[in-house]
Amino acid sequence: MCRWGFYPFYVAQPFVERDIDTRMLADKINPNTATWASLARLPGIGITRARAIVEYREKAKASGGNKGIVFSCCGDLTKIKGIGPVTVKKIEEYLVFRDPNPAGPGAK
């Protein structure tokens, strides 16, 4: 009680956040262009799933025919092992699926 009298804002055991601080996600993330480090900050994703997303994306791009768009909606992320509908529901508000090259090839 004495500490509170001298330091009214003293916190004996500070709050430790176990999940990411979603306030730090200032802008939406495009899983078609994001790095694994950016993806790992999403709730419920982590490093392993983020790397799996990038690996899947790079393999799909290497096979060709998709013009840089591997994921066109949140549901496409369920193709990644360990990402199900519950995880997709958690992260959908942080994602955007726009074309990384909206002008298309040959545009000025």
PDB file of N, CA and C in Angstrom:
ATOM      1  N   MET A   1       0.818  -1.183   0.000  1.00  0.00           N
ATOM      2  CA  MET A   1       0.000   0.000   0.000  1.00  0.00           C
ATOM      3  C   MET A   1       0.862   1.247   0.000  1.00  0.00           C
ATOM      4  N   CYS A   2       2.012   1.146   0.614  1.00  0.00           N
ATOM      5  CA  CYS A   2       2.910   2.289   0.684  1.00  0.00           C
ATOM      6  C   CYS A   2       3.414   2.668  -0.708  1.00  0.00           C
ATOM      7  N   ARG A   3       3.718   1.642  -1.537  1.00  0.00           N
ATOM      8  CA  ARG A   3       4.175   1.915  -2.899  1.00  0.00           C
ATOM      9  C   ARG A   3       3.116   2.646  -3.703  1.00  0.00           C
ATOM     10  N   TRP A   4       1.878   2.241  -3.527  1.00  0.00           N
ATOM     11  CA  TRP A   4       0.808   2.872  -4.285  1.00  0.00           C
ATOM     12  C   TRP A   4       0.667   4.335  -3.906  1.00  0.00           C
ATOM     13  N   GLY A   5       0.900   4.665  -2.635  1.00  0.00           N
ATOM     14  CA  GLY A   5       0.818   6.053  -2.185  1.00  0.00           C
ATOM     15  C   GLY A   5       1.858   6.933  -2.844  1.00  0.00           C
ATOM     16  N   PHE A   6       3.056   6.412  -3.011  1.00  0.00           N
ATOM     17  CA  PHE A   6       4.131   7.188  -3.632  1.00  0.00           C
ATOM     18  C   PHE A   6       4.120   7.085  -5.154  1.00  0.00           C
ATOM     19  N   TYR A   7       3.733   5.945  -5.660  1.00  0.00           N
ATOM     20  CA  TYR A   7       3.714   5.699  -7.099  1.00  0.00           C
ATOM     21  C   TYR A   7       2.338   5.163  -7.504  1.00  0.00           C
ATOM     22  N   PRO A   8       1.360   6.030  -7.715  1.00  0.00           N
ATOM     23  CA  PRO A   8       0.004   5.546  -7.995  1.00  0.00           C
ATOM     24  C   PRO A   8      -0.109   4.761  -9.299  1.00  0.00           C
ATOM     25  N   PHE A   9       0.881   4.869 -10.160  1.00  0.00           N
ATOM     26  CA  PHE A   9       0.822   4.152 -11.432  1.00  0.00           C
ATOM     27  C   PHE A   9       1.727   2.928 -11.439  1.00  0.00           C
ATOM     28  N   TYR A  10       2.234   2.545 -10.283  1.00  0.00           N
ATOM     29  CA  TYR A  10       3.102   1.392 -10.154  1.00  0.00           C
ATOM     30  C   TYR A  10       2.305   0.112 -10.412  1.00  0.00           C
ATOM     31  N   VAL A  11       2.876  -0.762 -11.203  1.00  0.00           N
ATOM     32  CA  VAL A  11       2.247  -2.047 -11.482  1.00  0.00           C
ATOM     33  C   VAL A  11       3.211  -3.127 -11.007  1.00  0.00           C
ATOM     34  N   ALA A  12       2.778  -3.906 -10.029  1.00  0.00           N
ATOM     35  CA  ALA A  12       3.656  -4.917  -9.440  1.00  0.00           C
ATOM     36  C   ALA A  12       4.016  -6.005 -10.441  1.00  0.00           C
ATOM     37  N   GLN A  13       3.038  -6.483 -11.184  1.00  0.00           N
ATOM     38  CA  GLN A  13       3.289  -7.505 -12.190  1.00  0.00           C
ATOM     39  C   GLN A  13       2.751  -6.988 -13.517  1.00  0.00           C
ATOM     40  N   PRO A  14       3.627  -6.492 -14.357  1.00  0.00           N
ATOM     41  CA  PRO A  14       3.147  -5.921 -15.615  1.00  0.00           C
ATOM     42  C   PRO A  14       2.482  -6.978 -16.483  1.00  0.00           C
ATOM     43  N   PHE A  15       1.535  -6.530 -17.244  1.00  0.00           N
ATOM     44  CA  PHE A  15       0.807  -7.396 -18.168  1.00  0.00           C
ATOM     45  C   PHE A  15       1.747  -7.866 -19.267  1.00  0.00           C
ATOM     46  N   VAL A  16       1.830  -9.159 -19.453  1.00  0.00           N
ATOM     47  CA  VAL A  16       2.667  -9.729 -20.503  1.00  0.00           C
ATOM     48  C   VAL A  16       1.749 -10.274 -21.577  1.00  0.00           C
ATOM     49  N   GLU A  17       1.862  -9.710 -22.766  1.00  0.00           N
ATOM     50  CA  GLU A  17       1.005 -10.158 -23.849  1.00  0.00           C
ATOM     51  C   GLU A  17       1.649 -11.340 -24.542  1.00  0.00           C
ATOM     52  N   ARG A  18       0.948 -12.431 -24.603  1.00  0.00           N
ATOM     53  CA  ARG A  18       1.498 -13.649 -25.193  1.00  0.00           C
ATOM     54  C   ARG A  18       1.320 -13.672 -26.704  1.00  0.00           C
ATOM     55  N   ASP A  19       0.270 -13.060 -27.186  1.00  0.00           N
ATOM     56  CA  ASP A  19       0.054 -12.976 -28.625  1.00  0.00           C
ATOM     57  C   ASP A  19       0.731 -11.719 -29.155  1.00  0.00           C
ATOM     58  N   ILE A  20       0.670 -11.525 -30.456  1.00  0.00           N
ATOM     59  CA  ILE A  20       1.255 -10.324 -31.034  1.00  0.00           C
ATOM     60  C   ILE A  20       0.421  -9.112 -30.695  1.00  0.00           C
ATOM     61  N   ASP A  21       1.016  -7.967 -30.801  1.00  0.00           N
ATOM     62  CA  ASP A  21       0.281  -6.728 -30.604  1.00  0.00           C
ATOM     63  C   ASP A  21      -0.300  -6.351 -31.954  1.00  0.00           C
ATOM     64  N   THR A  22      -1.579  -6.613 -32.152  1.00  0.00           N
ATOM     65  CA  THR A  22      -2.203  -6.381 -33.456  1.00  0.00           C
ATOM     66  C   THR A  22      -2.290  -4.905 -33.787  1.00  0.00           C
ATOM     67  N   ARG A  23      -2.089  -4.040 -32.792  1.00  0.00           N
ATOM     68  CA  ARG A  23      -2.074  -2.602 -33.090  1.00  0.00           C
ATOM     69  C   ARG A  23      -0.867  -2.242 -33.935  1.00  0.00           C
ATOM     70  N   MET A  24       0.168  -3.094 -33.919  1.00  0.00           N
ATOM     71  CA  MET A  24       1.361  -2.811 -34.696  1.00  0.00           C
ATOM     72  C   MET A  24       1.159  -3.122 -36.183  1.00  0.00           C
ATOM     73  N   LEU A  25       0.077  -3.802 -36.522  1.00  0.00           N
ATOM     74  CA  LEU A  25      -0.221  -4.085 -37.911  1.00  0.00           C
ATOM     75  C   LEU A  25      -0.947  -2.871 -38.497  1.00  0.00           C
ATOM     76  N   ALA A  26      -0.188  -1.852 -38.854  1.00  0.00           N
ATOM     77  CA  ALA A  26      -0.763  -0.580 -39.279  1.00  0.00           C
ATOM     78  C   ALA A  26      -1.450  -0.686 -40.632  1.00  0.00           C
ATOM     79  N   ASP A  27      -0.953  -1.536 -41.492  1.00  0.00           N
ATOM     80  CA  ASP A  27      -1.507  -1.652 -42.832  1.00  0.00           C
ATOM     81  C   ASP A  27      -1.864  -3.111 -43.082  1.00  0.00           C
ATOM     82  N   LYS A  28      -2.704  -3.328 -44.050  1.00  0.00           N
ATOM     83  CA  LYS A  28      -3.088  -4.704 -44.384  1.00  0.00           C
ATOM     84  C   LYS A  28      -1.942  -5.389 -45.120  1.00  0.00           C
ATOM     85  N   ILE A  29      -1.893  -6.690 -44.975  1.00  0.00           N
ATOM     86  CA  ILE A  29      -0.815  -7.488 -45.563  1.00  0.00           C
ATOM     87  C   ILE A  29      -1.357  -8.274 -46.741  1.00  0.00           C
ATOM     88  N   ASN A  30      -0.622  -8.268 -47.835  1.00  0.00           N
ATOM     89  CA  ASN A  30      -0.975  -9.048 -49.010  1.00  0.00           C
ATOM     90  C   ASN A  30      -0.157 -10.336 -48.986  1.00  0.00           C
ATOM     91  N   PRO A  31      -0.789 -11.486 -48.777  1.00  0.00           N
ATOM     92  CA  PRO A  31      -0.029 -12.737 -48.704  1.00  0.00           C
ATOM     93  C   PRO A  31       0.628 -13.120 -50.034  1.00  0.00           C
ATOM     94  N   ASN A  32       0.252 -12.461 -51.121  1.00  0.00           N
ATOM     95  CA  ASN A  32       0.883 -12.730 -52.415  1.00  0.00           C
ATOM     96  C   ASN A  32       2.236 -12.050 -52.554  1.00  0.00           C
ATOM     97  N   THR A  33       2.524 -11.069 -51.695  1.00  0.00           N
ATOM     98  CA  THR A  33       3.783 -10.329 -51.804  1.00  0.00           C
ATOM     99  C   THR A  33       4.530 -10.204 -50.487  1.00  0.00           C
ATOM    100  N   ALA A  34       3.904 -10.507 -49.368  1.00  0.00           N
ATOM    101  CA  ALA A  34       4.500 -10.280 -48.048  1.00  0.00           C
ATOM    102  C   ALA A  34       5.648 -11.230 -47.752  1.00  0.00           C
ATOM    103  N   THR A  35       6.567 -10.761 -46.933  1.00  0.00           N
ATOM    104  CA  THR A  35       7.656 -11.608 -46.462  1.00  0.00           C
ATOM    105  C   THR A  35       7.141 -12.503 -45.345  1.00  0.00           C
ATOM    106  N   TRP A  36       7.883 -13.542 -45.032  1.00  0.00           N
ATOM    107  CA  TRP A  36       7.447 -14.423 -43.957  1.00  0.00           C
ATOM    108  C   TRP A  36       7.458 -13.687 -42.623  1.00  0.00           C
ATOM    109  N   ALA A  37       8.357 -12.710 -42.469  1.00  0.00           N
ATOM    110  CA  ALA A  37       8.416 -11.951 -41.213  1.00  0.00           C
ATOM    111  C   ALA A  37       7.137 -11.141 -41.005  1.00  0.00           C
ATOM    112  N   SER A  38       6.602 -10.579 -42.077  1.00  0.00           N
ATOM    113  CA  SER A  38       5.344  -9.832 -41.979  1.00  0.00           C
ATOM    114  C   SER A  38       4.185 -10.770 -41.675  1.00  0.00           C
ATOM    115  N   LEU A  39       4.160 -11.895 -42.333  1.00  0.00           N
ATOM    116  CA  LEU A  39       3.085 -12.857 -42.128  1.00  0.00           C
ATOM    117  C   LEU A  39       3.117 -13.462 -40.728  1.00  0.00           C
ATOM    118  N   ALA A  40       4.306 -13.608 -40.168  1.00  0.00           N
ATOM    119  CA  ALA A  40       4.452 -14.214 -38.838  1.00  0.00           C
ATOM    120  C   ALA A  40       3.824 -13.354 -37.744  1.00  0.00           C
ATOM    121  N   ARG A  41       3.618 -12.079 -38.006  1.00  0.00           N
ATOM    122  CA  ARG A  41       3.019 -11.176 -37.025  1.00  0.00           C
ATOM    123  C   ARG A  41       1.507 -11.325 -36.947  1.00  0.00           C
ATOM    124  N   LEU A  42       0.915 -12.039 -37.870  1.00  0.00           N
ATOM    125  CA  LEU A  42      -0.533 -12.233 -37.852  1.00  0.00           C
ATOM    126  C   LEU A  42      -0.934 -13.167 -36.718  1.00  0.00           C
ATOM    127  N   PRO A  43      -2.104 -12.936 -36.105  1.00  0.00           N
ATOM    128  CA  PRO A  43      -2.532 -13.798 -34.992  1.00  0.00           C
ATOM    129  C   PRO A  43      -2.718 -15.243 -35.429  1.00  0.00           C
ATOM    130  N   GLY A  44      -2.084 -16.163 -34.720  1.00  0.00           N
ATOM    131  CA  GLY A  44      -2.240 -17.586 -34.991  1.00  0.00           C
ATOM    132  C   GLY A  44      -1.377 -18.121 -36.116  1.00  0.00           C
ATOM    133  N   ILE A  45      -0.515 -17.304 -36.702  1.00  0.00           N
ATOM    134  CA  ILE A  45       0.315 -17.776 -37.816  1.00  0.00           C
ATOM    135  C   ILE A  45       1.691 -18.212 -37.316  1.00  0.00           C
ATOM    136  N   GLY A  46       2.492 -17.328 -36.820  1.00  0.00           N
ATOM    137  CA  GLY A  46       3.813 -17.686 -36.315  1.00  0.00           C
ATOM    138  C   GLY A  46       4.813 -17.925 -37.435  1.00  0.00           C
ATOM    139  N   ILE A  47       6.031 -18.218 -37.053  1.00  0.00           N
ATOM    140  CA  ILE A  47       7.139 -18.346 -38.007  1.00  0.00           C
ATOM    141  C   ILE A  47       6.971 -19.547 -38.924  1.00  0.00           C
ATOM    142  N   THR A  48       6.623 -20.691 -38.381  1.00  0.00           N
ATOM    143  CA  THR A  48       6.533 -21.917 -39.180  1.00  0.00           C
ATOM    144  C   THR A  48       5.463 -21.802 -40.258  1.00  0.00           C
ATOM    145  N   ARG A  49       4.275 -21.355 -39.895  1.00  0.00           N
ATOM    146  CA  ARG A  49       3.202 -21.219 -40.886  1.00  0.00           C
ATOM    147  C   ARG A  49       3.499 -20.099 -41.873  1.00  0.00           C
ATOM    148  N   ALA A  50       4.117 -19.035 -41.408  1.00  0.00           N
ATOM    149  CA  ALA A  50       4.468 -17.935 -42.315  1.00  0.00           C
ATOM    150  C   ALA A  50       5.447 -18.416 -43.380  1.00  0.00           C
ATOM    151  N   ARG A  51       6.431 -19.177 -42.966  1.00  0.00           N
ATOM    152  CA  ARG A  51       7.388 -19.723 -43.943  1.00  0.00           C
ATOM    153  C   ARG A  51       6.709 -20.708 -44.881  1.00  0.00           C
ATOM    154  N   ALA A  52       5.746 -21.464 -44.363  1.00  0.00           N
ATOM    155  CA  ALA A  52       5.009 -22.404 -45.216  1.00  0.00           C
ATOM    156  C   ALA A  52       4.176 -21.643 -46.254  1.00  0.00           C
ATOM    157  N   ILE A  53       3.608 -20.516 -45.885  1.00  0.00           N
ATOM    158  CA  ILE A  53       2.848 -19.697 -46.839  1.00  0.00           C
ATOM    159  C   ILE A  53       3.752 -19.204 -47.948  1.00  0.00           C
ATOM    160  N   VAL A  54       4.917 -18.673 -47.574  1.00  0.00           N
ATOM    161  CA  VAL A  54       5.858 -18.154 -48.576  1.00  0.00           C
ATOM    162  C   VAL A  54       6.372 -19.283 -49.463  1.00  0.00           C
ATOM    163  N   GLU A  55       6.675 -20.437 -48.878  1.00  0.00           N
ATOM    164  CA  GLU A  55       7.162 -21.580 -49.657  1.00  0.00           C
ATOM    165  C   GLU A  55       6.101 -22.043 -50.666  1.00  0.00           C
ATOM    166  N   TYR A  56       4.858 -22.154 -50.214  1.00  0.00           N
ATOM    167  CA  TYR A  56       3.758 -22.554 -51.095  1.00  0.00           C
ATOM    168  C   TYR A  56       3.597 -21.538 -52.228  1.00  0.00           C
ATOM    169  N   ARG A  57       3.656 -20.253 -51.875  1.00  0.00           N
ATOM    170  CA  ARG A  57       3.499 -19.189 -52.864  1.00  0.00           C
ATOM    171  C   ARG A  57       4.600 -19.247 -53.914  1.00  0.00           C
ATOM    172  N   GLU A  58       5.840 -19.434 -53.475  1.00  0.00           N
ATOM    173  CA  GLU A  58       6.958 -19.466 -54.422  1.00  0.00           C
ATOM    174  C   GLU A  58       6.892 -20.694 -55.336  1.00  0.00           C
ATOM    175  N   LYS A  59       6.479 -21.830 -54.785  1.00  0.00           N
ATOM    176  CA  LYS A  59       6.326 -23.030 -55.626  1.00  0.00           C
ATOM    177  C   LYS A  59       5.216 -22.835 -56.650  1.00  0.00           C
ATOM    178  N   ALA A  60       4.117 -22.222 -56.239  1.00  0.00           N
ATOM    179  CA  ALA A  60       3.001 -21.978 -57.157  1.00  0.00           C
ATOM    180  C   ALA A  60       3.394 -20.989 -58.247  1.00  0.00           C
ATOM    181  N   LYS A  61       4.160 -19.978 -57.893  1.00  0.00           N
ATOM    182  CA  LYS A  61       4.620 -19.004 -58.899  1.00  0.00           C
ATOM    183  C   LYS A  61       5.596 -19.655 -59.871  1.00  0.00           C
ATOM    184  N   ALA A  62       6.444 -20.544 -59.367  1.00  0.00           N
ATOM    185  CA  ALA A  62       7.423 -21.217 -60.220  1.00  0.00           C
ATOM    186  C   ALA A  62       6.748 -22.132 -61.238  1.00  0.00           C
ATOM    187  N   SER A  63       5.586 -22.683 -60.856  1.00  0.00           N
ATOM    188  CA  SER A  63       4.874 -23.552 -61.788  1.00  0.00           C
ATOM    189  C   SER A  63       4.222 -22.746 -62.908  1.00  0.00           C
ATOM    190  N   GLY A  64       4.089 -21.429 -62.697  1.00  0.00           N
ATOM    191  CA  GLY A  64       3.597 -20.524 -63.739  1.00  0.00           C
ATOM    192  C   GLY A  64       2.095 -20.519 -63.910  1.00  0.00           C
ATOM    193  N   GLY A  65       1.620 -19.560 -64.709  1.00  0.00           N
ATOM    194  CA  GLY A  65       0.216 -19.503 -65.066  1.00  0.00           C
ATOM    195  C   GLY A  65      -0.685 -18.735 -64.131  1.00  0.00           C
ATOM    196  N   ASN A  66      -0.166 -18.215 -63.017  1.00  0.00           N
ATOM    197  CA  ASN A  66      -1.053 -17.524 -62.098  1.00  0.00           C
ATOM    198  C   ASN A  66      -0.819 -16.020 -62.030  1.00  0.00           C
ATOM    199  N   LYS A  67       0.127 -15.493 -62.779  1.00  0.00           N
ATOM    200  CA  LYS A  67       0.402 -14.055 -62.893  1.00  0.00           C
ATOM    201  C   LYS A  67       0.636 -13.386 -61.534  1.00  0.00           C
ATOM    202  N   GLY A  68       1.257 -14.086 -60.609  1.00  0.00           N
ATOM    203  CA  GLY A  68       1.578 -13.495 -59.321  1.00  0.00           C
ATOM    204  C   GLY A  68       0.484 -13.593 -58.283  1.00  0.00           C
ATOM    205  N   ILE A  69      -0.690 -14.049 -58.653  1.00  0.00           N
ATOM    206  CA  ILE A  69      -1.792 -14.183 -57.707  1.00  0.00           C
ATOM    207  C   ILE A  69      -1.932 -15.656 -57.333  1.00  0.00           C
ATOM    208  N   VAL A  70      -1.431 -16.008 -56.180  1.00  0.00           N
ATOM    209  CA  VAL A  70      -1.549 -17.372 -55.685  1.00  0.00           C
ATOM    210  C   VAL A  70      -2.761 -17.475 -54.775  1.00  0.00           C
ATOM    211  N   PHE A  71      -2.941 -16.454 -53.936  1.00  0.00           N
ATOM    212  CA  PHE A  71      -4.056 -16.402 -53.004  1.00  0.00           C
ATOM    213  C   PHE A  71      -5.001 -15.296 -53.446  1.00  0.00           C
ATOM    214  N   SER A  72      -6.218 -15.659 -53.817  1.00  0.00           N
ATOM    215  CA  SER A  72      -7.179 -14.649 -54.264  1.00  0.00           C
ATOM    216  C   SER A  72      -8.201 -14.304 -53.183  1.00  0.00           C
ATOM    217  N   CYS A  73      -8.269 -15.117 -52.124  1.00  0.00           N
ATOM    218  CA  CYS A  73      -9.171 -14.838 -51.004  1.00  0.00           C
ATOM    219  C   CYS A  73      -8.628 -15.526 -49.759  1.00  0.00           C
ATOM    220  N   CYS A  74      -9.212 -15.214 -48.618  1.00  0.00           N
ATOM    221  CA  CYS A  74      -8.752 -15.798 -47.350  1.00  0.00           C
ATOM    222  C   CYS A  74      -8.846 -17.317 -47.347  1.00  0.00           C
ATOM    223  N   GLY A  75      -9.867 -17.856 -47.972  1.00  0.00           N
ATOM    224  CA  GLY A  75     -10.064 -19.297 -48.005  1.00  0.00           C
ATOM    225  C   GLY A  75      -8.933 -20.046 -48.675  1.00  0.00           C
ATOM    226  N   ASP A  76      -8.211 -19.382 -49.580  1.00  0.00           N
ATOM    227  CA  ASP A  76      -7.091 -20.034 -50.256  1.00  0.00           C
ATOM    228  C   ASP A  76      -5.957 -20.383 -49.297  1.00  0.00           C
ATOM    229  N   LEU A  77      -5.893 -19.702 -48.167  1.00  0.00           N
ATOM    230  CA  LEU A  77      -4.831 -19.987 -47.204  1.00  0.00           C
ATOM    231  C   LEU A  77      -5.017 -21.325 -46.499  1.00  0.00           C
ATOM    232  N   THR A  78      -6.206 -21.907 -46.604  1.00  0.00           N
ATOM    233  CA  THR A  78      -6.424 -23.220 -45.987  1.00  0.00           C
ATOM    234  C   THR A  78      -5.680 -24.325 -46.738  1.00  0.00           C
ATOM    235  N   LYS A  79      -5.103 -24.016 -47.876  1.00  0.00           N
ATOM    236  CA  LYS A  79      -4.271 -24.977 -48.607  1.00  0.00           C
ATOM    237  C   LYS A  79      -2.958 -25.240 -47.876  1.00  0.00           C
ATOM    238  N   ILE A  80      -2.608 -24.354 -46.951  1.00  0.00           N
ATOM    239  CA  ILE A  80      -1.374 -24.476 -46.189  1.00  0.00           C
ATOM    240  C   ILE A  80      -1.633 -25.369 -44.982  1.00  0.00           C
ATOM    241  N   LYS A  81      -0.748 -26.331 -44.759  1.00  0.00           N
ATOM    242  CA  LYS A  81      -0.893 -27.238 -43.617  1.00  0.00           C
ATOM    243  C   LYS A  81      -0.855 -26.438 -42.314  1.00  0.00           C
ATOM    244  N   GLY A  82      -1.837 -26.693 -41.463  1.00  0.00           N
ATOM    245  CA  GLY A  82      -1.896 -26.024 -40.171  1.00  0.00           C
ATOM    246  C   GLY A  82      -2.763 -24.780 -40.139  1.00  0.00           C
ATOM    247  N   ILE A  83      -3.269 -24.374 -41.302  1.00  0.00           N
ATOM    248  CA  ILE A  83      -4.154 -23.209 -41.349  1.00  0.00           C
ATOM    249  C   ILE A  83      -5.548 -23.692 -41.723  1.00  0.00           C
ATOM    250  N   GLY A  84      -6.458 -23.519 -40.785  1.00  0.00           N
ATOM    251  CA  GLY A  84      -7.837 -23.939 -41.000  1.00  0.00           C
ATOM    252  C   GLY A  84      -8.788 -22.758 -40.969  1.00  0.00           C
ATOM    253  N   PRO A  85     -10.071 -23.034 -41.024  1.00  0.00           N
ATOM    254  CA  PRO A  85     -11.075 -21.969 -41.036  1.00  0.00           C
ATOM    255  C   PRO A  85     -11.031 -21.050 -39.814  1.00  0.00           C
ATOM    256  N   VAL A  86     -10.686 -21.577 -38.648  1.00  0.00           N
ATOM    257  CA  VAL A  86     -10.624 -20.751 -37.438  1.00  0.00           C
ATOM    258  C   VAL A  86      -9.486 -19.731 -37.550  1.00  0.00           C
ATOM    259  N   THR A  87      -8.328 -20.186 -38.009  1.00  0.00           N
ATOM    260  CA  THR A  87      -7.186 -19.295 -38.187  1.00  0.00           C
ATOM    261  C   THR A  87      -7.489 -18.248 -39.250  1.00  0.00           C
ATOM    262  N   VAL A  88      -8.109 -18.674 -40.331  1.00  0.00           N
ATOM    263  CA  VAL A  88      -8.463 -17.742 -41.404  1.00  0.00           C
ATOM    264  C   VAL A  88      -9.399 -16.664 -40.875  1.00  0.00           C
ATOM    265  N   LYS A  89     -10.340 -17.041 -40.046  1.00  0.00           N
ATOM    266  CA  LYS A  89     -11.283 -16.077 -39.461  1.00  0.00           C
ATOM    267  C   LYS A  89     -10.555 -15.044 -38.605  1.00  0.00           C
ATOM    268  N   LYS A  90      -9.499 -15.484 -37.874  1.00  0.00           N
ATOM    269  CA  LYS A  90      -8.724 -14.578 -37.029  1.00  0.00           C
ATOM    270  C   LYS A  90      -7.953 -13.541 -37.835  1.00  0.00           C
ATOM    271  N   ILE A  91      -7.450 -13.950 -39.006  1.00  0.00           N
ATOM    272  CA  ILE A  91      -6.534 -13.068 -39.746  1.00  0.00           C
ATOM    273  C   ILE A  91      -7.173 -12.331 -40.916  1.00  0.00           C
ATOM    274  N   GLU A  92      -8.409 -12.648 -41.268  1.00  0.00           N
ATOM    275  CA  GLU A  92      -8.981 -12.075 -42.480  1.00  0.00           C
ATOM    276  C   GLU A  92      -9.068 -10.554 -42.465  1.00  0.00           C
ATOM    277  N   GLU A  93      -9.221  -9.944 -41.301  1.00  0.00           N
ATOM    278  CA  GLU A  93      -9.313  -8.490 -41.238  1.00  0.00           C
ATOM    279  C   GLU A  93      -7.963  -7.804 -41.481  1.00  0.00           C
ATOM    280  N   TYR A  94      -6.872  -8.555 -41.419  1.00  0.00           N
ATOM    281  CA  TYR A  94      -5.534  -7.997 -41.618  1.00  0.00           C
ATOM    282  C   TYR A  94      -4.992  -8.232 -43.025  1.00  0.00           C
ATOM    283  N   LEU A  95      -5.762  -8.904 -43.865  1.00  0.00           N
ATOM    284  CA  LEU A  95      -5.272  -9.282 -45.187  1.00  0.00           C
ATOM    285  C   LEU A  95      -5.965  -8.504 -46.299  1.00  0.00           C
ATOM    286  N   VAL A  96      -5.243  -8.361 -47.394  1.00  0.00           N
ATOM    287  CA  VAL A  96      -5.784  -7.765 -48.607  1.00  0.00           C
ATOM    288  C   VAL A  96      -5.274  -8.605 -49.773  1.00  0.00           C
ATOM    289  N   PHE A  97      -6.089  -8.760 -50.795  1.00  0.00           N
ATOM    290  CA  PHE A  97      -5.738  -9.642 -51.917  1.00  0.00           C
ATOM    291  C   PHE A  97      -5.784  -8.891 -53.241  1.00  0.00           C
ATOM    292  N   ARG A  98      -5.095  -7.781 -53.318  1.00  0.00           N
ATOM    293  CA  ARG A  98      -5.085  -7.027 -54.572  1.00  0.00           C
ATOM    294  C   ARG A  98      -3.946  -7.520 -55.456  1.00  0.00           C
ATOM    295  N   ASP A  99      -4.085  -7.228 -56.725  1.00  0.00           N
ATOM    296  CA  ASP A  99      -3.101  -7.629 -57.714  1.00  0.00           C
ATOM    297  C   ASP A  99      -1.796  -6.862 -57.448  1.00  0.00           C
ATOM    298  N   PRO A 100      -0.657  -7.576 -57.281  1.00  0.00           N
ATOM    299  CA  PRO A 100       0.599  -6.882 -57.046  1.00  0.00           C
ATOM    300  C   PRO A 100       1.052  -6.056 -58.241  1.00  0.00           C
ATOM    301  N   ASN A 101       0.536  -6.344 -59.437  1.00  0.00           N
ATOM    302  CA  ASN A 101       0.868  -5.599 -60.644  1.00  0.00           C
ATOM    303  C   ASN A 101      -0.440  -5.195 -61.336  1.00  0.00           C
ATOM    304  N   PRO A 102      -1.200  -4.223 -60.774  1.00  0.00           N
ATOM    305  CA  PRO A 102      -2.539  -3.926 -61.292  1.00  0.00           C
ATOM    306  C   PRO A 102      -2.560  -3.404 -62.716  1.00  0.00           C
ATOM    307  N   ALA A 103      -1.497  -2.784 -63.180  1.00  0.00           N
ATOM    308  CA  ALA A 103      -1.492  -2.247 -64.541  1.00  0.00           C
ATOM    309  C   ALA A 103      -1.321  -3.341 -65.576  1.00  0.00           C
ATOM    310  N   GLY A 104      -0.774  -4.458 -65.164  1.00  0.00           N
ATOM    311  CA  GLY A 104      -0.571  -5.562 -66.086  1.00  0.00           C
ATOM    312  C   GLY A 104       0.720  -5.415 -66.862  1.00  0.00           C
ATOM    313  N   PRO A 105       1.079  -6.449 -67.608  1.00  0.00           N
ATOM    314  CA  PRO A 105       2.330  -6.396 -68.377  1.00  0.00           C
ATOM    315  C   PRO A 105       2.225  -5.405 -69.521  1.00  0.00           C
ATOM    316  N   GLY A 106       3.310  -4.714 -69.760  1.00  0.00           N
ATOM    317  CA  GLY A 106       3.360  -3.773 -70.883  1.00  0.00           C
ATOM    318  C   GLY A 106       2.766  -2.413 -70.571  1.00  0.00           C
ATOM    319  N   ALA A 107       2.296  -2.186 -69.366  1.00  0.00           N
ATOM    320  CA  ALA A 107       1.713  -0.888 -69.016  1.00  0.00           C
ATOM    321  C   ALA A 107       2.819   0.114 -68.752  1.00  0.00           C
ATOM    322  N   LYS A 108       2.522   1.364 -69.016  1.00  0.00           N
ATOM    323  CA  LYS A 108       3.535   2.416 -68.801  1.00  0.00           C
ATOM    324  C   LYS A 108       3.421   3.018 -67.451  1.00  0.00           C
TER     325      LYS A 108
END
